């Protein structure tokens, strides 16, 4: 039975090959007989294929160029942030708190006060946004390579709203990152976690209101009633 099936398959393949050859010969004969009609169509198809291939090549090259340009711009922006942060890195922690207060004033915050002392229960800078929301800021002047630990975030979470009545609680640092636990706590407790890159953007001119939504919701929803 198996041998018979193999023979049938072999015969079928031969028939297909024969019919394929006959079809090819017939097609070639038809093309030759109708060449005056066929060649313009063939040329058009080949030209369209060539143009399509050229267009695809140009599109691919354009996308690659755009990608390289975006990468270059990102590198340049990061380099510019670092240059602007060089002066910030040279500040003492007391000067850093005063500098953050100046950034707040620059962006329209009012009644901005710097505690400038230990035992401030996490409120290094306090003020009000233009729409009346109370802003409480914890400033940590840390080395670039460090990460803000969860203990620091826990302390700020425990005081920012309960002790100081913050509508917007901002934790700003000169180091590059927050630990995973610290960031998770910030997101859960609606704390704006401003690491070095975002601080660099703020220093370079980004408005505080544009930075608040970038790292957690953090903006609060209440607008304090005017006095």
N, C-alpha and C. Protein backbone atom coordinates (compact mmCIF):
# COMPACT_ATOMS: atom_id res chain seq x y z
N UNK A 1 0.83 -1.21 0.00
CA UNK A 1 0.00 0.00 0.00
C UNK A 1 0.87 1.26 0.00
N UNK A 2 1.89 1.25 0.86
CA UNK A 2 2.78 2.40 0.94
C UNK A 2 3.52 2.62 -0.36
N UNK A 3 3.98 1.49 -0.99
CA UNK A 3 4.70 1.60 -2.26
C UNK A 3 3.79 2.16 -3.34
N UNK A 4 2.53 1.75 -3.32
CA UNK A 4 1.58 2.24 -4.32
C UNK A 4 1.35 3.75 -4.16
N UNK A 5 1.28 4.21 -2.90
CA UNK A 5 1.10 5.64 -2.65
C UNK A 5 2.30 6.43 -3.15
N UNK A 6 3.49 5.89 -2.93
CA UNK A 6 4.69 6.58 -3.41
C UNK A 6 4.70 6.68 -4.92
N UNK A 7 4.27 5.59 -5.60
CA UNK A 7 4.23 5.63 -7.06
C UNK A 7 3.22 6.68 -7.55
N UNK A 8 2.04 6.75 -6.87
CA UNK A 8 1.03 7.73 -7.25
C UNK A 8 1.55 9.17 -7.07
N UNK A 9 2.24 9.39 -5.96
CA UNK A 9 2.80 10.72 -5.70
C UNK A 9 3.84 11.07 -6.75
N UNK A 10 4.66 10.08 -7.12
CA UNK A 10 5.70 10.32 -8.12
C UNK A 10 5.07 10.67 -9.47
N UNK A 11 4.01 9.92 -9.86
CA UNK A 11 3.32 10.20 -11.11
C UNK A 11 2.67 11.58 -11.08
N UNK A 12 2.09 11.93 -9.93
CA UNK A 12 1.45 13.24 -9.79
C UNK A 12 2.46 14.36 -9.96
N UNK A 13 3.64 14.19 -9.32
CA UNK A 13 4.68 15.22 -9.45
C UNK A 13 5.12 15.37 -10.89
N UNK A 14 5.28 14.24 -11.59
CA UNK A 14 5.69 14.30 -13.00
C UNK A 14 4.64 15.03 -13.83
N UNK A 15 3.36 14.71 -13.60
CA UNK A 15 2.29 15.38 -14.34
C UNK A 15 2.31 16.88 -14.09
N UNK A 16 2.49 17.25 -12.83
CA UNK A 16 2.55 18.67 -12.49
C UNK A 16 3.72 19.36 -13.17
N UNK A 17 4.86 18.68 -13.20
CA UNK A 17 6.04 19.24 -13.85
C UNK A 17 5.80 19.42 -15.34
N UNK A 18 5.16 18.40 -15.96
CA UNK A 18 4.87 18.48 -17.39
C UNK A 18 3.92 19.62 -17.68
N UNK A 19 2.82 19.69 -16.89
CA UNK A 19 1.85 20.76 -17.10
C UNK A 19 2.47 22.13 -16.83
N UNK A 20 3.35 22.18 -15.87
CA UNK A 20 4.02 23.45 -15.60
C UNK A 20 4.88 23.88 -16.76
N UNK A 21 5.62 22.92 -17.34
CA UNK A 21 6.47 23.25 -18.49
C UNK A 21 5.61 23.67 -19.68
N UNK A 22 4.50 22.93 -19.91
CA UNK A 22 3.61 23.27 -21.03
C UNK A 22 3.04 24.67 -20.83
N UNK A 23 2.63 24.98 -19.61
CA UNK A 23 2.06 26.31 -19.31
C UNK A 23 3.10 27.40 -19.55
N UNK A 24 4.34 27.13 -19.12
CA UNK A 24 5.40 28.13 -19.30
C UNK A 24 5.67 28.37 -20.78
N UNK A 25 5.72 27.27 -21.55
CA UNK A 25 5.96 27.41 -23.00
C UNK A 25 4.82 28.17 -23.65
N UNK A 26 3.59 27.83 -23.26
CA UNK A 26 2.42 28.51 -23.83
C UNK A 26 2.44 30.00 -23.48
N UNK A 27 2.81 30.32 -22.22
CA UNK A 27 2.86 31.72 -21.81
C UNK A 27 3.92 32.48 -22.58
N UNK A 28 5.10 31.80 -22.75
CA UNK A 28 6.18 32.45 -23.50
C UNK A 28 5.75 32.69 -24.95
N UNK A 29 5.07 31.69 -25.55
CA UNK A 29 4.61 31.83 -26.93
C UNK A 29 3.60 32.96 -27.05
N UNK A 30 2.72 33.04 -26.06
CA UNK A 30 1.70 34.11 -26.10
C UNK A 30 2.36 35.48 -25.99
N UNK A 31 3.35 35.59 -25.08
CA UNK A 31 4.06 36.87 -24.91
C UNK A 31 4.74 37.28 -26.20
N UNK A 32 5.42 36.29 -26.86
CA UNK A 32 6.10 36.61 -28.12
C UNK A 32 5.11 37.03 -29.20
N UNK A 33 3.97 36.34 -29.21
CA UNK A 33 2.97 36.66 -30.23
C UNK A 33 2.33 38.02 -29.99
N UNK A 34 2.29 38.45 -28.74
CA UNK A 34 1.63 39.71 -28.40
C UNK A 34 2.64 40.72 -27.82
N UNK A 35 3.88 40.62 -28.25
CA UNK A 35 4.94 41.44 -27.65
C UNK A 35 4.67 42.94 -27.76
N UNK A 36 4.10 43.37 -28.88
CA UNK A 36 3.83 44.80 -29.06
C UNK A 36 2.85 45.32 -28.00
N UNK A 37 2.00 44.43 -27.52
CA UNK A 37 1.04 44.83 -26.48
C UNK A 37 1.63 44.64 -25.08
N UNK A 38 2.44 43.61 -24.93
CA UNK A 38 2.96 43.23 -23.61
C UNK A 38 4.06 44.16 -23.12
N UNK A 39 5.00 44.55 -24.05
CA UNK A 39 6.18 45.25 -23.56
C UNK A 39 5.89 46.58 -22.88
N UNK A 40 4.89 47.39 -23.33
CA UNK A 40 4.62 48.63 -22.57
C UNK A 40 4.16 48.35 -21.14
N UNK A 41 3.32 47.30 -21.01
CA UNK A 41 2.84 46.94 -19.67
C UNK A 41 4.00 46.46 -18.81
N UNK A 42 4.88 45.64 -19.40
CA UNK A 42 6.02 45.12 -18.66
C UNK A 42 6.95 46.24 -18.22
N UNK A 43 7.19 47.17 -19.12
CA UNK A 43 8.05 48.31 -18.78
C UNK A 43 7.43 49.14 -17.66
N UNK A 44 6.12 49.35 -17.75
CA UNK A 44 5.42 50.12 -16.71
C UNK A 44 5.53 49.45 -15.35
N UNK A 45 5.33 48.12 -15.33
CA UNK A 45 5.41 47.37 -14.08
C UNK A 45 6.83 47.45 -13.50
N UNK A 46 7.83 47.25 -14.37
CA UNK A 46 9.21 47.32 -13.90
C UNK A 46 9.56 48.72 -13.38
N UNK A 47 9.07 49.76 -14.09
CA UNK A 47 9.33 51.13 -13.66
C UNK A 47 8.67 51.42 -12.31
N UNK A 48 7.43 50.92 -12.16
CA UNK A 48 6.73 51.12 -10.90
C UNK A 48 7.45 50.42 -9.76
N UNK A 49 7.94 49.19 -10.03
CA UNK A 49 8.68 48.45 -9.02
C UNK A 49 9.97 49.18 -8.64
N UNK A 50 10.66 49.73 -9.66
CA UNK A 50 11.90 50.46 -9.39
C UNK A 50 11.63 51.71 -8.57
N UNK A 51 10.55 52.44 -8.93
CA UNK A 51 10.21 53.64 -8.19
C UNK A 51 9.79 53.31 -6.75
N UNK A 52 9.03 52.23 -6.62
CA UNK A 52 8.63 51.82 -5.28
C UNK A 52 9.82 51.44 -4.42
N UNK A 53 10.77 50.69 -5.03
CA UNK A 53 11.97 50.32 -4.28
C UNK A 53 12.79 51.54 -3.89
N UNK A 54 12.91 52.50 -4.82
CA UNK A 54 13.66 53.71 -4.52
C UNK A 54 12.96 54.52 -3.42
N UNK A 55 11.63 54.59 -3.50
CA UNK A 55 10.89 55.32 -2.49
C UNK A 55 11.03 54.69 -1.12
N UNK A 56 10.96 53.36 -1.09
CA UNK A 56 11.11 52.65 0.20
C UNK A 56 12.50 52.87 0.77
N UNK A 57 13.52 52.86 -0.10
CA UNK A 57 14.90 53.09 0.35
C UNK A 57 15.06 54.49 0.92
N UNK A 58 14.46 55.48 0.23
CA UNK A 58 14.53 56.86 0.71
C UNK A 58 13.79 57.03 2.04
N UNK A 59 12.63 56.38 2.16
CA UNK A 59 11.85 56.47 3.39
C UNK A 59 12.62 55.86 4.55
N UNK A 60 13.23 54.71 4.28
CA UNK A 60 14.01 54.05 5.33
C UNK A 60 15.19 54.92 5.75
N UNK A 61 15.87 55.53 4.76
CA UNK A 61 17.00 56.40 5.07
C UNK A 61 16.54 57.62 5.88
N UNK A 62 15.35 58.15 5.51
CA UNK A 62 14.81 59.31 6.24
C UNK A 62 14.51 58.94 7.69
N UNK A 63 13.89 57.80 7.89
CA UNK A 63 13.56 57.37 9.25
C UNK A 63 14.83 57.17 10.08
N UNK A 64 15.85 56.58 9.46
CA UNK A 64 17.11 56.39 10.18
C UNK A 64 17.74 57.72 10.54
N UNK A 65 17.68 58.68 9.60
CA UNK A 65 18.24 60.00 9.86
C UNK A 65 17.48 60.71 10.99
N UNK A 66 16.15 60.59 10.96
CA UNK A 66 15.34 61.19 12.03
C UNK A 66 15.66 60.55 13.37
N UNK A 67 15.82 59.22 13.36
CA UNK A 67 16.16 58.52 14.60
C UNK A 67 17.51 58.97 15.15
N UNK A 68 18.49 59.10 14.25
CA UNK A 68 19.82 59.56 14.69
C UNK A 68 19.75 61.00 15.21
N UNK A 69 18.93 61.83 14.54
CA UNK A 69 18.80 63.22 14.97
C UNK A 69 18.15 63.29 16.36
N UNK A 70 17.12 62.48 16.59
CA UNK A 70 16.47 62.48 17.90
C UNK A 70 17.43 62.03 18.98
N UNK A 71 18.20 60.98 18.68
CA UNK A 71 19.18 60.49 19.66
C UNK A 71 20.22 61.57 19.96
N UNK A 72 20.67 62.26 18.91
CA UNK A 72 21.66 63.32 19.10
C UNK A 72 21.09 64.45 19.95
N UNK A 73 19.83 64.84 19.65
CA UNK A 73 19.21 65.91 20.42
C UNK A 73 19.04 65.52 21.89
N UNK A 74 18.67 64.25 22.12
CA UNK A 74 18.53 63.78 23.51
C UNK A 74 19.87 63.84 24.23
N UNK A 75 20.94 63.44 23.55
CA UNK A 75 22.27 63.51 24.15
C UNK A 75 22.67 64.95 24.45
N UNK A 76 22.37 65.84 23.50
CA UNK A 76 22.71 67.25 23.70
C UNK A 76 21.91 67.86 24.86
N UNK A 77 20.64 67.48 24.96
CA UNK A 77 19.82 68.00 26.06
C UNK A 77 20.35 67.49 27.40
N UNK A 78 20.72 66.21 27.44
CA UNK A 78 21.28 65.65 28.67
C UNK A 78 22.59 66.35 29.03
N UNK A 79 23.41 66.63 28.02
CA UNK A 79 24.68 67.31 28.25
C UNK A 79 24.44 68.74 28.75
N UNK A 80 23.45 69.41 28.18
CA UNK A 80 23.13 70.77 28.60
C UNK A 80 22.61 70.79 30.04
N UNK A 81 21.79 69.78 30.39
CA UNK A 81 21.30 69.70 31.77
C UNK A 81 22.45 69.54 32.74
N UNK A 82 23.39 68.68 32.38
CA UNK A 82 24.53 68.46 33.26
C UNK A 82 25.38 69.73 33.41
N UNK A 83 25.53 70.48 32.33
CA UNK A 83 26.28 71.73 32.42
C UNK A 83 25.58 72.71 33.35
N UNK A 84 24.24 72.78 33.24
CA UNK A 84 23.49 73.68 34.11
C UNK A 84 23.50 73.19 35.56
N UNK A 85 23.61 71.88 35.74
CA UNK A 85 23.63 71.33 37.09
C UNK A 85 25.00 71.47 37.76
N UNK A 86 26.03 71.79 37.01
CA UNK A 86 27.36 71.92 37.59
C UNK A 86 27.37 73.00 38.68
N UNK A 87 26.70 74.12 38.41
CA UNK A 87 26.63 75.18 39.40
C UNK A 87 25.80 74.76 40.62
N UNK A 88 24.75 74.01 40.37
CA UNK A 88 23.93 73.52 41.48
C UNK A 88 24.74 72.58 42.36
N UNK A 89 25.54 71.72 41.73
CA UNK A 89 26.35 70.77 42.50
C UNK A 89 27.33 71.48 43.42
N UNK A 90 27.73 72.69 43.05
CA UNK A 90 28.70 73.43 43.84
C UNK A 90 28.08 74.11 45.06
N UNK A 91 26.75 74.13 45.16
CA UNK A 91 26.08 74.79 46.27
C UNK A 91 26.16 73.96 47.54
N UNK A 92 26.11 74.63 48.69
CA UNK A 92 25.93 73.92 49.95
C UNK A 92 24.47 73.53 50.08
N UNK A 93 24.13 72.71 51.06
CA UNK A 93 22.74 72.30 51.17
C UNK A 93 21.84 73.48 51.54
N UNK A 94 22.40 74.44 52.32
CA UNK A 94 21.60 75.63 52.65
C UNK A 94 21.37 76.48 51.40
N UNK A 95 22.41 76.65 50.59
CA UNK A 95 22.28 77.41 49.36
C UNK A 95 21.34 76.71 48.38
N UNK A 96 21.37 75.37 48.40
CA UNK A 96 20.50 74.59 47.52
C UNK A 96 19.03 74.85 47.85
N UNK A 97 18.69 74.87 49.12
CA UNK A 97 17.31 75.15 49.53
C UNK A 97 16.88 76.55 49.07
N UNK A 98 17.76 77.53 49.24
CA UNK A 98 17.45 78.90 48.80
C UNK A 98 17.29 78.96 47.28
N UNK A 99 18.11 78.18 46.58
CA UNK A 99 18.02 78.16 45.11
C UNK A 99 16.69 77.58 44.65
N UNK A 100 16.26 76.51 45.29
CA UNK A 100 14.96 75.91 44.95
C UNK A 100 13.84 76.91 45.21
N UNK A 101 13.95 77.66 46.29
CA UNK A 101 12.95 78.69 46.57
C UNK A 101 12.93 79.75 45.47
N UNK A 102 14.10 80.11 44.95
CA UNK A 102 14.17 81.08 43.87
C UNK A 102 13.51 80.54 42.59
N UNK A 103 13.70 79.25 42.32
CA UNK A 103 13.05 78.64 41.16
C UNK A 103 11.53 78.71 41.31
N UNK A 104 11.05 78.48 42.53
CA UNK A 104 9.61 78.57 42.77
C UNK A 104 9.11 80.00 42.51
N UNK A 105 9.83 80.98 43.01
CA UNK A 105 9.43 82.38 42.79
C UNK A 105 9.47 82.72 41.30
N UNK A 106 10.49 82.22 40.62
CA UNK A 106 10.59 82.47 39.18
C UNK A 106 9.36 81.98 38.45
N UNK A 107 8.78 80.87 38.92
CA UNK A 107 7.64 80.26 38.24
C UNK A 107 6.30 80.73 38.81
N UNK A 108 6.31 81.84 39.52
CA UNK A 108 5.06 82.45 39.94
C UNK A 108 4.53 82.05 41.30
N UNK A 109 5.29 81.28 42.07
CA UNK A 109 4.84 80.92 43.41
C UNK A 109 4.95 82.16 44.31
N UNK A 110 4.08 82.22 45.30
CA UNK A 110 4.08 83.38 46.20
C UNK A 110 4.28 82.91 47.64
N UNK A 111 4.64 83.88 48.49
CA UNK A 111 4.84 83.62 49.92
C UNK A 111 5.79 82.45 50.15
N UNK A 112 6.86 82.39 49.37
CA UNK A 112 7.82 81.29 49.46
C UNK A 112 8.76 81.54 50.64
N UNK A 113 8.87 80.54 51.51
CA UNK A 113 9.70 80.65 52.71
C UNK A 113 10.65 79.46 52.76
N UNK A 114 11.89 79.72 53.16
CA UNK A 114 12.90 78.67 53.35
C UNK A 114 13.12 78.50 54.84
N UNK A 115 13.05 77.26 55.32
CA UNK A 115 13.24 77.04 56.75
C UNK A 115 14.70 77.25 57.13
N UNK A 116 15.61 76.63 56.33
CA UNK A 116 17.04 76.83 56.56
C UNK A 116 17.54 76.27 57.87
N UNK A 117 16.83 75.30 58.44
CA UNK A 117 17.29 74.74 59.71
C UNK A 117 16.88 73.28 59.80
N UNK A 118 17.55 72.55 60.69
CA UNK A 118 17.18 71.16 60.94
C UNK A 118 15.92 71.12 61.79
N UNK A 119 15.26 69.96 61.82
CA UNK A 119 14.04 69.84 62.60
C UNK A 119 12.84 70.52 61.97
N UNK A 120 12.90 70.71 60.66
CA UNK A 120 11.78 71.39 59.98
C UNK A 120 10.69 70.42 59.55
N UNK A 121 10.84 69.15 59.96
CA UNK A 121 9.84 68.12 59.65
C UNK A 121 9.58 68.00 58.15
N UNK A 122 10.64 68.09 57.37
CA UNK A 122 10.54 67.84 55.93
C UNK A 122 10.12 69.02 55.10
N UNK A 123 9.82 70.15 55.74
CA UNK A 123 9.37 71.33 54.98
C UNK A 123 10.55 72.29 54.81
N UNK A 124 11.41 72.00 53.85
CA UNK A 124 12.56 72.88 53.62
C UNK A 124 12.14 74.17 52.95
N UNK A 125 11.18 74.06 52.03
CA UNK A 125 10.65 75.23 51.32
C UNK A 125 9.12 75.12 51.32
N UNK A 126 8.46 76.21 51.66
CA UNK A 126 7.00 76.24 51.69
C UNK A 126 6.53 77.48 50.93
N UNK A 127 5.48 77.33 50.15
CA UNK A 127 4.93 78.47 49.43
C UNK A 127 3.58 78.10 48.83
N UNK A 128 3.12 78.93 47.91
CA UNK A 128 1.82 78.69 47.27
C UNK A 128 1.98 78.84 45.76
N UNK A 129 1.40 77.88 45.03
CA UNK A 129 1.37 78.00 43.59
C UNK A 129 0.45 79.14 43.17
N UNK A 130 0.52 79.51 41.90
CA UNK A 130 -0.27 80.65 41.43
C UNK A 130 -1.77 80.45 41.63
N UNK A 131 -2.22 79.18 41.60
CA UNK A 131 -3.66 78.92 41.75
C UNK A 131 -4.08 78.75 43.21
N UNK A 132 -3.14 78.94 44.13
CA UNK A 132 -3.49 78.90 45.55
C UNK A 132 -3.15 77.61 46.26
N UNK A 133 -2.72 76.58 45.55
CA UNK A 133 -2.38 75.33 46.23
C UNK A 133 -1.11 75.50 47.06
N UNK A 134 -1.12 74.91 48.24
CA UNK A 134 0.06 75.00 49.11
C UNK A 134 1.11 74.02 48.64
N UNK A 135 2.33 74.50 48.52
CA UNK A 135 3.47 73.71 48.04
C UNK A 135 4.44 73.49 49.19
N UNK A 136 4.77 72.24 49.44
CA UNK A 136 5.76 71.89 50.46
C UNK A 136 6.86 71.08 49.79
N UNK A 137 8.12 71.50 49.97
CA UNK A 137 9.24 70.87 49.27
C UNK A 137 10.27 70.34 50.26
N UNK A 138 10.66 69.12 50.06
CA UNK A 138 11.80 68.52 50.75
C UNK A 138 12.99 68.54 49.80
N UNK A 139 14.10 69.12 50.22
CA UNK A 139 15.30 69.23 49.38
C UNK A 139 16.38 68.30 49.93
N UNK A 140 16.96 67.49 49.06
CA UNK A 140 18.06 66.61 49.45
C UNK A 140 19.23 66.83 48.52
N UNK A 141 20.30 67.41 49.04
CA UNK A 141 21.50 67.67 48.27
C UNK A 141 22.41 66.44 48.40
N UNK A 142 22.19 65.47 47.50
CA UNK A 142 22.92 64.21 47.54
C UNK A 142 23.91 64.14 46.38
N UNK A 143 24.92 63.29 46.54
CA UNK A 143 25.88 63.04 45.45
C UNK A 143 25.15 62.41 44.27
N UNK A 144 25.68 62.68 43.08
CA UNK A 144 25.02 62.24 41.85
C UNK A 144 24.75 60.74 41.83
N UNK A 145 25.70 59.94 42.31
CA UNK A 145 25.60 58.48 42.19
C UNK A 145 24.63 57.87 43.20
N UNK A 146 24.19 58.62 44.18
CA UNK A 146 23.31 58.07 45.21
C UNK A 146 21.89 57.91 44.73
N UNK A 147 21.10 57.18 45.50
CA UNK A 147 19.66 57.07 45.27
C UNK A 147 18.95 57.46 46.56
N UNK A 148 17.82 58.13 46.43
CA UNK A 148 17.05 58.49 47.62
C UNK A 148 16.41 57.23 48.19
N UNK A 149 16.68 56.89 49.46
CA UNK A 149 16.13 55.67 50.04
C UNK A 149 14.69 55.84 50.48
N UNK A 150 14.04 54.73 50.72
CA UNK A 150 12.63 54.79 51.11
C UNK A 150 12.44 55.45 52.47
N UNK A 151 13.47 55.36 53.35
CA UNK A 151 13.34 55.99 54.67
C UNK A 151 13.13 57.49 54.55
N UNK A 152 13.86 58.13 53.62
CA UNK A 152 13.69 59.56 53.41
C UNK A 152 12.29 59.88 52.91
N UNK A 153 11.81 59.06 51.99
CA UNK A 153 10.47 59.29 51.45
C UNK A 153 9.41 59.06 52.51
N UNK A 154 9.60 58.05 53.36
CA UNK A 154 8.64 57.77 54.43
C UNK A 154 8.49 58.95 55.37
N UNK A 155 9.63 59.57 55.72
CA UNK A 155 9.58 60.72 56.63
C UNK A 155 8.81 61.87 56.00
N UNK A 156 9.05 62.10 54.72
CA UNK A 156 8.37 63.21 54.04
C UNK A 156 6.88 62.92 53.89
N UNK A 157 6.55 61.68 53.55
CA UNK A 157 5.14 61.30 53.43
C UNK A 157 4.41 61.54 54.75
N UNK A 158 5.10 61.23 55.88
CA UNK A 158 4.46 61.36 57.19
C UNK A 158 4.23 62.79 57.65
N UNK A 159 4.90 63.75 57.01
CA UNK A 159 4.78 65.13 57.49
C UNK A 159 4.21 66.11 56.46
N UNK A 160 4.39 65.84 55.18
CA UNK A 160 4.05 66.82 54.15
C UNK A 160 2.60 67.29 54.25
N UNK A 161 1.68 66.36 54.41
CA UNK A 161 0.27 66.74 54.47
C UNK A 161 -0.26 66.81 55.90
N UNK A 162 0.12 65.84 56.74
CA UNK A 162 -0.40 65.83 58.11
C UNK A 162 0.12 67.00 58.92
N UNK A 163 1.41 67.32 58.78
CA UNK A 163 2.00 68.40 59.56
C UNK A 163 1.91 69.77 58.88
N UNK A 164 2.03 69.76 57.55
CA UNK A 164 2.16 71.03 56.84
C UNK A 164 0.97 71.35 55.92
N UNK A 165 0.04 70.42 55.76
CA UNK A 165 -1.14 70.68 54.95
C UNK A 165 -0.86 70.90 53.48
N UNK A 166 0.10 70.16 52.94
CA UNK A 166 0.49 70.35 51.54
C UNK A 166 -0.61 69.89 50.58
N UNK A 167 -0.83 70.69 49.57
CA UNK A 167 -1.64 70.25 48.43
C UNK A 167 -0.72 69.61 47.40
N UNK A 168 0.44 70.19 47.21
CA UNK A 168 1.46 69.63 46.33
C UNK A 168 2.70 69.37 47.17
N UNK A 169 3.11 68.11 47.24
CA UNK A 169 4.29 67.72 48.01
C UNK A 169 5.39 67.33 47.04
N UNK A 170 6.50 68.05 47.09
CA UNK A 170 7.57 67.89 46.11
C UNK A 170 8.86 67.47 46.82
N UNK A 171 9.40 66.33 46.40
CA UNK A 171 10.68 65.84 46.92
C UNK A 171 11.70 66.03 45.81
N UNK A 172 12.63 66.97 45.99
CA UNK A 172 13.60 67.28 44.95
C UNK A 172 15.00 66.94 45.41
N UNK A 173 15.77 66.31 44.52
CA UNK A 173 17.11 65.87 44.88
C UNK A 173 18.08 66.06 43.72
N UNK A 174 19.36 66.16 44.06
CA UNK A 174 20.40 66.29 43.04
C UNK A 174 20.92 64.95 42.56
N UNK A 175 20.52 63.86 43.18
CA UNK A 175 20.98 62.54 42.71
C UNK A 175 20.09 62.04 41.57
N UNK A 176 20.52 60.99 40.93
CA UNK A 176 19.89 60.57 39.68
C UNK A 176 18.60 59.78 39.85
N UNK A 177 18.40 59.20 41.01
CA UNK A 177 17.25 58.30 41.10
C UNK A 177 16.74 58.16 42.52
N UNK A 178 15.56 57.59 42.61
CA UNK A 178 14.97 57.13 43.86
C UNK A 178 15.00 55.61 43.83
N UNK A 179 15.16 54.98 44.98
CA UNK A 179 15.08 53.53 44.99
C UNK A 179 13.68 53.10 44.57
N UNK A 180 13.56 51.84 44.20
CA UNK A 180 12.26 51.32 43.76
C UNK A 180 11.21 51.50 44.84
N UNK A 181 11.58 51.22 46.10
CA UNK A 181 10.62 51.36 47.20
C UNK A 181 10.25 52.82 47.43
N UNK A 182 11.23 53.71 47.32
CA UNK A 182 10.96 55.13 47.51
C UNK A 182 10.03 55.66 46.42
N UNK A 183 10.29 55.26 45.18
CA UNK A 183 9.44 55.72 44.08
C UNK A 183 8.03 55.14 44.19
N UNK A 184 7.94 53.87 44.56
CA UNK A 184 6.62 53.26 44.74
C UNK A 184 5.82 53.98 45.82
N UNK A 185 6.48 54.34 46.91
CA UNK A 185 5.80 55.07 47.98
C UNK A 185 5.37 56.45 47.51
N UNK A 186 6.23 57.11 46.75
CA UNK A 186 5.88 58.44 46.23
C UNK A 186 4.64 58.37 45.34
N UNK A 187 4.58 57.38 44.47
CA UNK A 187 3.43 57.24 43.58
C UNK A 187 2.16 56.94 44.36
N UNK A 188 2.26 56.07 45.35
CA UNK A 188 1.08 55.71 46.14
C UNK A 188 0.57 56.88 46.97
N UNK A 189 1.50 57.69 47.46
CA UNK A 189 1.13 58.77 48.37
C UNK A 189 1.04 60.13 47.68
N UNK A 190 1.09 60.13 46.36
CA UNK A 190 0.89 61.37 45.60
C UNK A 190 1.97 62.41 45.90
N UNK A 191 3.22 61.94 45.91
CA UNK A 191 4.38 62.82 46.09
C UNK A 191 5.06 63.00 44.74
N UNK A 192 5.41 64.23 44.41
CA UNK A 192 6.15 64.48 43.17
C UNK A 192 7.63 64.22 43.45
N UNK A 193 8.19 63.21 42.77
CA UNK A 193 9.59 62.83 42.97
C UNK A 193 10.43 63.42 41.85
N UNK A 194 11.19 64.47 42.17
CA UNK A 194 11.94 65.20 41.16
C UNK A 194 13.42 64.82 41.26
N UNK A 195 13.86 63.89 40.38
CA UNK A 195 15.26 63.46 40.39
C UNK A 195 16.11 64.41 39.56
N UNK A 196 17.39 64.09 39.42
CA UNK A 196 18.36 65.00 38.84
C UNK A 196 17.98 65.47 37.43
N UNK A 197 17.53 64.56 36.57
CA UNK A 197 17.21 64.95 35.20
C UNK A 197 16.06 65.96 35.16
N UNK A 198 15.02 65.71 35.95
CA UNK A 198 13.90 66.65 35.99
C UNK A 198 14.31 67.97 36.64
N UNK A 199 15.15 67.89 37.67
CA UNK A 199 15.67 69.11 38.28
C UNK A 199 16.47 69.90 37.26
N UNK A 200 17.28 69.19 36.45
CA UNK A 200 18.05 69.86 35.41
C UNK A 200 17.16 70.59 34.42
N UNK A 201 16.02 69.98 34.07
CA UNK A 201 15.07 70.65 33.18
C UNK A 201 14.48 71.89 33.85
N UNK A 202 14.19 71.78 35.12
CA UNK A 202 13.65 72.92 35.87
C UNK A 202 14.68 74.06 35.90
N UNK A 203 15.92 73.70 36.17
CA UNK A 203 16.99 74.70 36.22
C UNK A 203 17.12 75.40 34.86
N UNK A 204 16.95 74.63 33.76
CA UNK A 204 17.13 75.18 32.42
C UNK A 204 15.93 76.01 31.94
N UNK A 205 14.87 76.05 32.74
CA UNK A 205 13.77 76.92 32.36
C UNK A 205 12.40 76.27 32.29
N UNK A 206 12.32 74.94 32.41
CA UNK A 206 11.00 74.29 32.41
C UNK A 206 10.19 74.81 33.59
N UNK A 207 8.90 75.06 33.36
CA UNK A 207 8.03 75.60 34.41
C UNK A 207 7.65 74.50 35.39
N UNK A 208 7.60 74.87 36.67
CA UNK A 208 7.26 73.91 37.71
C UNK A 208 5.94 73.20 37.43
N UNK A 209 4.95 73.95 36.94
CA UNK A 209 3.64 73.36 36.67
C UNK A 209 3.73 72.26 35.61
N UNK A 210 4.69 72.36 34.69
CA UNK A 210 4.84 71.33 33.65
C UNK A 210 5.57 70.10 34.17
N UNK A 211 6.30 70.26 35.26
CA UNK A 211 7.06 69.13 35.81
C UNK A 211 6.24 68.31 36.80
N UNK A 212 5.28 68.95 37.45
CA UNK A 212 4.51 68.27 38.50
C UNK A 212 3.85 66.97 38.01
N UNK A 213 3.25 66.92 36.80
CA UNK A 213 2.58 65.67 36.38
C UNK A 213 3.53 64.59 35.87
N UNK A 214 4.83 64.87 35.74
CA UNK A 214 5.71 63.93 35.04
C UNK A 214 6.13 62.74 35.87
N UNK A 215 6.08 62.84 37.17
CA UNK A 215 6.58 61.76 38.02
C UNK A 215 5.55 61.42 39.08
N UNK A 216 4.52 60.70 38.67
CA UNK A 216 3.42 60.47 39.57
C UNK A 216 2.39 61.57 39.35
N UNK A 217 1.19 61.42 39.89
CA UNK A 217 0.19 62.47 39.71
C UNK A 217 0.63 63.70 40.48
N UNK A 218 0.78 63.59 41.78
CA UNK A 218 1.52 64.59 42.55
C UNK A 218 0.96 65.99 42.61
N UNK A 219 0.04 66.35 41.75
CA UNK A 219 -0.37 67.73 41.68
C UNK A 219 -1.46 68.13 42.66
N UNK A 220 -2.04 67.15 43.34
CA UNK A 220 -3.17 67.48 44.19
C UNK A 220 -4.37 67.89 43.36
N UNK A 221 -5.53 67.84 43.91
CA UNK A 221 -6.73 68.22 43.17
C UNK A 221 -7.42 69.41 43.81
N UNK A 222 -7.04 69.72 45.02
CA UNK A 222 -7.72 70.80 45.73
C UNK A 222 -7.08 72.13 45.41
N UNK A 223 -7.89 73.13 45.23
CA UNK A 223 -7.41 74.49 45.12
C UNK A 223 -7.81 75.21 46.38
N UNK A 224 -6.84 75.67 47.13
CA UNK A 224 -7.15 76.28 48.44
C UNK A 224 -7.96 77.54 48.25
N UNK A 225 -8.96 77.73 49.07
CA UNK A 225 -9.79 78.94 48.93
C UNK A 225 -8.97 80.18 49.25
N UNK A 226 -9.27 81.24 48.54
CA UNK A 226 -8.56 82.49 48.79
C UNK A 226 -8.95 83.02 50.15
N UNK A 227 -7.97 83.65 50.80
CA UNK A 227 -8.23 84.15 52.16
C UNK A 227 -9.16 85.36 52.11
